[in-house]
Amino acid sequence: MFFKTAGEKKSVEPNRIWSEKCSKSDIVISQGATEPLPNGIPTYTVEIMNTCASGCDISAIHLSCGWFSSARLVNPRVFKRLRFDDCLVNDGKPLVNGRTLSFQYANTFRYPLSVSSVGC
């Protein structure tokens, strides 16, 4: 669509519902309780899935994670806390469409995890 204003042409892009390649909602997080450690500390399994309908790979996935910590070692290439309420998934590398990353952590309570930002 073009509009003329004082002798010049301007292009105007209409707003589109599917204009974004990907969004935070394309990353689905689920977690559930698993068998506790031998010392009784509860453990949880987290699954982080890329469900992008347009087939996109999503990188730079950051989660809100509070003061996330674990009594069980979590591979930092899979999930690591960078600072308060900022955890990085997959070392910032793309999570391929349809793939799921998972890890386990151990703590006396379950951390609420939610997507704070992604890169398309």
N, C-alpha and C. Protein backbone atom coordinates (compact mmCIF):
# COMPACT_ATOMS: atom_id res chain seq x y z
N MET A 1 0.85 -1.15 0.00
CA MET A 1 0.00 0.00 0.00
C MET A 1 0.91 1.23 0.00
N PHE A 2 0.63 2.19 -0.85
CA PHE A 2 1.44 3.39 -0.92
C PHE A 2 0.57 4.62 -0.68
N PHE A 3 1.13 5.57 0.03
CA PHE A 3 0.47 6.85 0.24
C PHE A 3 1.39 7.94 -0.28
N LYS A 4 0.85 8.92 -0.97
CA LYS A 4 1.66 10.04 -1.45
C LYS A 4 1.49 11.19 -0.47
N THR A 5 2.62 11.74 -0.06
CA THR A 5 2.60 12.88 0.84
C THR A 5 3.55 13.93 0.27
N ALA A 6 3.04 15.02 -0.16
CA ALA A 6 3.85 16.14 -0.68
C ALA A 6 4.87 15.65 -1.70
N GLY A 7 4.43 14.85 -2.65
CA GLY A 7 5.30 14.43 -3.73
C GLY A 7 6.20 13.24 -3.44
N GLU A 8 6.11 12.62 -2.26
CA GLU A 8 6.95 11.45 -2.00
C GLU A 8 6.08 10.23 -1.77
N LYS A 9 6.67 9.05 -2.01
CA LYS A 9 5.96 7.79 -1.78
C LYS A 9 6.42 7.19 -0.47
N LYS A 10 5.47 6.72 0.31
CA LYS A 10 5.80 6.01 1.54
C LYS A 10 5.15 4.64 1.51
N SER A 11 5.87 3.65 1.90
CA SER A 11 5.32 2.30 1.98
C SER A 11 4.81 2.08 3.40
N VAL A 12 3.62 1.54 3.49
CA VAL A 12 3.04 1.26 4.80
C VAL A 12 2.75 -0.23 4.87
N GLU A 13 3.35 -0.87 5.86
CA GLU A 13 3.13 -2.31 6.06
C GLU A 13 1.90 -2.52 6.94
N PRO A 14 0.96 -3.33 6.50
CA PRO A 14 -0.18 -3.62 7.37
C PRO A 14 0.27 -4.49 8.54
N ASN A 15 -0.42 -4.37 9.67
CA ASN A 15 -0.12 -5.23 10.82
C ASN A 15 -0.59 -6.64 10.50
N ARG A 16 0.26 -7.60 10.79
CA ARG A 16 -0.08 -8.99 10.52
C ARG A 16 0.02 -9.79 11.81
N ILE A 17 -0.90 -10.70 11.97
CA ILE A 17 -0.90 -11.55 13.16
C ILE A 17 0.35 -12.44 13.17
N TRP A 18 0.74 -12.96 12.01
CA TRP A 18 1.87 -13.89 11.93
C TRP A 18 3.15 -13.19 11.50
N SER A 19 3.30 -11.90 11.82
CA SER A 19 4.48 -11.17 11.36
C SER A 19 5.77 -11.63 12.01
N GLU A 20 5.69 -12.12 13.22
CA GLU A 20 6.89 -12.57 13.94
C GLU A 20 7.29 -13.97 13.47
N LYS A 21 8.59 -14.21 13.34
CA LYS A 21 9.05 -15.56 13.01
C LYS A 21 8.82 -16.50 14.17
N CYS A 22 9.06 -16.01 15.38
CA CYS A 22 8.85 -16.82 16.56
C CYS A 22 8.51 -15.90 17.73
N SER A 23 8.07 -16.51 18.82
CA SER A 23 7.75 -15.72 20.00
C SER A 23 8.01 -16.55 21.25
N LYS A 24 7.93 -15.89 22.40
CA LYS A 24 8.13 -16.58 23.68
C LYS A 24 7.15 -17.74 23.83
N SER A 25 5.96 -17.59 23.28
CA SER A 25 4.94 -18.64 23.44
C SER A 25 5.27 -19.91 22.66
N ASP A 26 6.29 -19.86 21.77
CA ASP A 26 6.71 -21.06 21.04
C ASP A 26 7.58 -21.98 21.90
N ILE A 27 7.99 -21.49 23.04
CA ILE A 27 8.77 -22.32 23.98
C ILE A 27 7.84 -22.76 25.10
N VAL A 28 7.72 -24.06 25.28
CA VAL A 28 6.84 -24.63 26.30
C VAL A 28 7.71 -25.29 27.36
N ILE A 29 7.45 -24.93 28.62
CA ILE A 29 8.22 -25.48 29.74
C ILE A 29 7.29 -26.34 30.59
N SER A 30 7.74 -27.54 30.89
CA SER A 30 6.99 -28.37 31.83
C SER A 30 7.98 -28.93 32.84
N GLN A 31 7.51 -29.11 34.04
CA GLN A 31 8.37 -29.73 35.05
C GLN A 31 7.52 -30.53 36.01
N GLY A 32 8.13 -31.59 36.51
CA GLY A 32 7.41 -32.45 37.43
C GLY A 32 8.37 -33.08 38.42
N ALA A 33 7.83 -33.51 39.53
CA ALA A 33 8.63 -34.14 40.57
C ALA A 33 9.12 -35.51 40.11
N THR A 34 10.36 -35.83 40.49
CA THR A 34 10.93 -37.15 40.22
C THR A 34 11.45 -37.70 41.54
N GLU A 35 12.04 -38.87 41.51
CA GLU A 35 12.51 -39.53 42.74
C GLU A 35 13.52 -38.65 43.47
N PRO A 36 13.35 -38.47 44.79
CA PRO A 36 14.27 -37.62 45.55
C PRO A 36 15.69 -38.20 45.61
N LEU A 37 16.64 -37.33 45.93
CA LEU A 37 18.02 -37.79 46.15
C LEU A 37 18.04 -38.70 47.38
N PRO A 38 19.09 -39.51 47.54
CA PRO A 38 19.18 -40.40 48.70
C PRO A 38 19.04 -39.66 50.04
N ASN A 39 19.46 -38.41 50.10
CA ASN A 39 19.36 -37.66 51.36
C ASN A 39 17.98 -37.03 51.55
N GLY A 40 17.05 -37.32 50.61
CA GLY A 40 15.67 -36.86 50.76
C GLY A 40 15.33 -35.55 50.07
N ILE A 41 16.32 -34.87 49.46
CA ILE A 41 16.03 -33.61 48.77
C ILE A 41 15.19 -33.91 47.52
N PRO A 42 14.06 -33.23 47.37
CA PRO A 42 13.22 -33.47 46.19
C PRO A 42 13.95 -33.13 44.89
N THR A 43 13.64 -33.87 43.83
CA THR A 43 14.21 -33.56 42.52
C THR A 43 13.07 -33.32 41.53
N TYR A 44 13.38 -32.56 40.51
CA TYR A 44 12.41 -32.19 39.49
C TYR A 44 13.04 -32.35 38.12
N THR A 45 12.26 -32.81 37.16
CA THR A 45 12.69 -32.88 35.78
C THR A 45 12.01 -31.76 35.02
N VAL A 46 12.82 -31.01 34.27
CA VAL A 46 12.32 -29.90 33.47
C VAL A 46 12.48 -30.26 32.00
N GLU A 47 11.43 -30.01 31.21
CA GLU A 47 11.50 -30.18 29.76
C GLU A 47 11.19 -28.83 29.12
N ILE A 48 12.05 -28.44 28.18
CA ILE A 48 11.90 -27.18 27.46
C ILE A 48 11.76 -27.54 25.98
N MET A 49 10.58 -27.25 25.41
CA MET A 49 10.26 -27.68 24.05
C MET A 49 10.09 -26.49 23.11
N ASN A 50 10.60 -26.65 21.88
CA ASN A 50 10.36 -25.67 20.82
C ASN A 50 9.17 -26.16 20.01
N THR A 51 8.06 -25.44 20.11
CA THR A 51 6.83 -25.83 19.42
C THR A 51 6.46 -24.84 18.31
N CYS A 52 7.43 -24.15 17.75
CA CYS A 52 7.19 -23.12 16.73
C CYS A 52 6.43 -23.71 15.54
N ALA A 53 5.25 -23.16 15.27
CA ALA A 53 4.38 -23.67 14.21
C ALA A 53 4.94 -23.41 12.81
N SER A 54 5.78 -22.38 12.66
CA SER A 54 6.34 -22.07 11.34
C SER A 54 7.66 -22.79 11.08
N GLY A 55 8.05 -23.70 11.97
CA GLY A 55 9.26 -24.49 11.76
C GLY A 55 10.55 -23.80 12.13
N CYS A 56 10.49 -22.77 12.98
CA CYS A 56 11.69 -21.99 13.30
C CYS A 56 12.53 -22.61 14.41
N ASP A 57 13.81 -22.40 14.31
CA ASP A 57 14.74 -22.74 15.39
C ASP A 57 14.85 -21.49 16.26
N ILE A 58 14.86 -21.66 17.56
CA ILE A 58 14.85 -20.53 18.48
C ILE A 58 16.11 -20.54 19.32
N SER A 59 16.80 -19.40 19.36
CA SER A 59 18.05 -19.29 20.12
C SER A 59 17.91 -18.25 21.21
N ALA A 60 18.97 -18.07 21.98
CA ALA A 60 19.02 -17.07 23.05
C ALA A 60 17.78 -17.15 23.94
N ILE A 61 17.45 -18.36 24.37
CA ILE A 61 16.27 -18.56 25.22
C ILE A 61 16.64 -18.24 26.66
N HIS A 62 15.99 -17.22 27.20
CA HIS A 62 16.21 -16.82 28.59
C HIS A 62 14.94 -17.08 29.39
N LEU A 63 15.13 -17.63 30.60
CA LEU A 63 13.99 -17.89 31.48
C LEU A 63 14.09 -17.05 32.73
N SER A 64 12.94 -16.65 33.25
CA SER A 64 12.87 -16.06 34.59
C SER A 64 12.96 -17.24 35.54
N CYS A 65 13.93 -17.16 36.48
CA CYS A 65 14.21 -18.35 37.30
C CYS A 65 14.57 -18.01 38.74
N GLY A 66 14.36 -16.77 39.16
CA GLY A 66 14.68 -16.40 40.54
C GLY A 66 16.15 -16.64 40.86
N TRP A 67 16.40 -17.16 42.08
CA TRP A 67 17.76 -17.52 42.50
C TRP A 67 18.01 -18.99 42.25
N PHE A 68 17.68 -19.50 41.07
CA PHE A 68 17.79 -20.93 40.78
C PHE A 68 19.11 -21.51 41.28
N SER A 69 19.01 -22.62 41.98
CA SER A 69 20.19 -23.39 42.38
C SER A 69 19.75 -24.85 42.54
N SER A 70 20.73 -25.73 42.55
CA SER A 70 20.42 -27.15 42.61
C SER A 70 21.46 -27.89 43.44
N ALA A 71 20.98 -28.84 44.24
CA ALA A 71 21.89 -29.71 44.99
C ALA A 71 22.48 -30.78 44.07
N ARG A 72 21.89 -30.96 42.91
CA ARG A 72 22.40 -31.88 41.88
C ARG A 72 22.97 -31.01 40.77
N LEU A 73 24.15 -31.39 40.27
CA LEU A 73 24.80 -30.63 39.21
C LEU A 73 23.94 -30.62 37.95
N VAL A 74 23.73 -29.43 37.40
CA VAL A 74 23.03 -29.26 36.13
C VAL A 74 24.08 -28.83 35.11
N ASN A 75 24.13 -29.53 33.98
CA ASN A 75 25.09 -29.20 32.92
C ASN A 75 24.88 -27.74 32.50
N PRO A 76 25.88 -26.88 32.71
CA PRO A 76 25.71 -25.46 32.38
C PRO A 76 25.52 -25.19 30.89
N ARG A 77 25.86 -26.14 30.04
CA ARG A 77 25.59 -25.95 28.61
C ARG A 77 24.11 -26.16 28.29
N VAL A 78 23.40 -26.82 29.20
CA VAL A 78 21.97 -27.05 29.03
C VAL A 78 21.16 -25.95 29.71
N PHE A 79 21.57 -25.59 30.95
CA PHE A 79 20.80 -24.60 31.72
C PHE A 79 21.72 -23.99 32.77
N LYS A 80 21.79 -22.65 32.78
CA LYS A 80 22.59 -22.01 33.81
C LYS A 80 22.01 -20.65 34.18
N ARG A 81 22.16 -20.33 35.46
CA ARG A 81 21.72 -19.02 35.94
C ARG A 81 22.84 -18.04 35.68
N LEU A 82 22.52 -16.95 34.97
CA LEU A 82 23.50 -15.91 34.68
C LEU A 82 23.53 -14.86 35.79
N ARG A 83 22.35 -14.55 36.30
CA ARG A 83 22.17 -13.57 37.38
C ARG A 83 20.78 -13.81 37.94
N PHE A 84 20.42 -13.04 38.95
CA PHE A 84 19.09 -13.21 39.53
C PHE A 84 18.02 -13.11 38.45
N ASP A 85 17.15 -14.12 38.42
CA ASP A 85 15.99 -14.17 37.53
C ASP A 85 16.33 -14.17 36.05
N ASP A 86 17.53 -14.65 35.70
CA ASP A 86 17.93 -14.77 34.29
C ASP A 86 18.74 -16.04 34.09
N CYS A 87 18.08 -17.05 33.51
CA CYS A 87 18.76 -18.31 33.21
C CYS A 87 18.79 -18.51 31.70
N LEU A 88 19.91 -19.05 31.22
CA LEU A 88 20.12 -19.27 29.79
C LEU A 88 19.96 -20.75 29.46
N VAL A 89 19.24 -21.04 28.38
CA VAL A 89 18.98 -22.40 27.93
C VAL A 89 19.90 -22.74 26.76
N ASN A 90 20.45 -23.95 26.75
CA ASN A 90 21.23 -24.48 25.63
C ASN A 90 22.42 -23.60 25.27
N ASP A 91 23.01 -22.96 26.27
CA ASP A 91 24.18 -22.10 26.07
C ASP A 91 23.91 -20.99 25.05
N GLY A 92 22.63 -20.63 24.87
CA GLY A 92 22.26 -19.60 23.92
C GLY A 92 22.12 -20.08 22.49
N LYS A 93 22.49 -21.34 22.24
CA LYS A 93 22.43 -21.90 20.89
C LYS A 93 20.99 -22.24 20.51
N PRO A 94 20.72 -22.37 19.21
CA PRO A 94 19.34 -22.65 18.77
C PRO A 94 18.81 -23.98 19.29
N LEU A 95 17.56 -23.94 19.70
CA LEU A 95 16.82 -25.17 20.02
C LEU A 95 16.00 -25.45 18.76
N VAL A 96 16.35 -26.54 18.09
CA VAL A 96 15.76 -26.89 16.80
C VAL A 96 14.26 -27.14 16.96
N ASN A 97 13.51 -26.73 15.97
CA ASN A 97 12.06 -26.91 15.98
C ASN A 97 11.69 -28.36 16.26
N GLY A 98 10.76 -28.56 17.17
CA GLY A 98 10.29 -29.90 17.51
C GLY A 98 11.15 -30.61 18.54
N ARG A 99 12.27 -30.05 18.91
CA ARG A 99 13.17 -30.69 19.87
C ARG A 99 12.84 -30.28 21.30
N THR A 100 13.28 -31.14 22.22
CA THR A 100 13.09 -30.91 23.65
C THR A 100 14.41 -31.07 24.37
N LEU A 101 14.72 -30.12 25.24
CA LEU A 101 15.88 -30.23 26.14
C LEU A 101 15.33 -30.60 27.51
N SER A 102 16.05 -31.43 28.24
CA SER A 102 15.59 -31.74 29.60
C SER A 102 16.79 -31.79 30.54
N PHE A 103 16.49 -31.51 31.80
CA PHE A 103 17.50 -31.62 32.86
C PHE A 103 16.76 -31.85 34.17
N GLN A 104 17.53 -32.28 35.16
CA GLN A 104 16.98 -32.48 36.50
C GLN A 104 17.69 -31.56 37.47
N TYR A 105 16.95 -31.09 38.46
CA TYR A 105 17.57 -30.33 39.54
C TYR A 105 16.99 -30.80 40.86
N ALA A 106 17.72 -30.52 41.92
CA ALA A 106 17.30 -30.94 43.26
C ALA A 106 17.28 -29.71 44.17
N ASN A 107 16.15 -29.51 44.81
CA ASN A 107 16.02 -28.41 45.76
C ASN A 107 14.83 -28.70 46.65
N THR A 108 14.75 -28.01 47.77
CA THR A 108 13.65 -28.26 48.69
C THR A 108 12.31 -27.78 48.15
N PHE A 109 12.33 -26.94 47.10
CA PHE A 109 11.09 -26.50 46.48
C PHE A 109 11.26 -26.39 44.97
N ARG A 110 10.14 -26.38 44.29
CA ARG A 110 10.12 -26.28 42.83
C ARG A 110 10.24 -24.80 42.43
N TYR A 111 11.16 -24.52 41.50
CA TYR A 111 11.32 -23.15 41.00
C TYR A 111 10.29 -22.87 39.91
N PRO A 112 9.58 -21.76 40.00
CA PRO A 112 8.72 -21.38 38.87
C PRO A 112 9.61 -20.87 37.74
N LEU A 113 9.48 -21.45 36.56
CA LEU A 113 10.28 -21.08 35.41
C LEU A 113 9.35 -20.57 34.30
N SER A 114 9.71 -19.45 33.69
CA SER A 114 8.92 -18.94 32.57
C SER A 114 9.85 -18.25 31.58
N VAL A 115 9.45 -18.24 30.32
CA VAL A 115 10.26 -17.64 29.26
C VAL A 115 10.22 -16.12 29.39
N SER A 116 11.40 -15.51 29.44
CA SER A 116 11.48 -14.04 29.52
C SER A 116 11.83 -13.42 28.17
N SER A 117 12.65 -14.13 27.36
CA SER A 117 12.98 -13.61 26.02
C SER A 117 13.55 -14.74 25.15
N VAL A 118 13.43 -14.55 23.83
CA VAL A 118 13.97 -15.50 22.85
C VAL A 118 14.55 -14.72 21.68
N GLY A 119 15.38 -15.39 20.90
CA GLY A 119 15.91 -14.83 19.66
C GLY A 119 15.44 -15.67 18.49
N CYS A 120 15.01 -15.00 17.42
CA CYS A 120 14.50 -15.73 16.26
C CYS A 120 15.54 -15.76 15.14
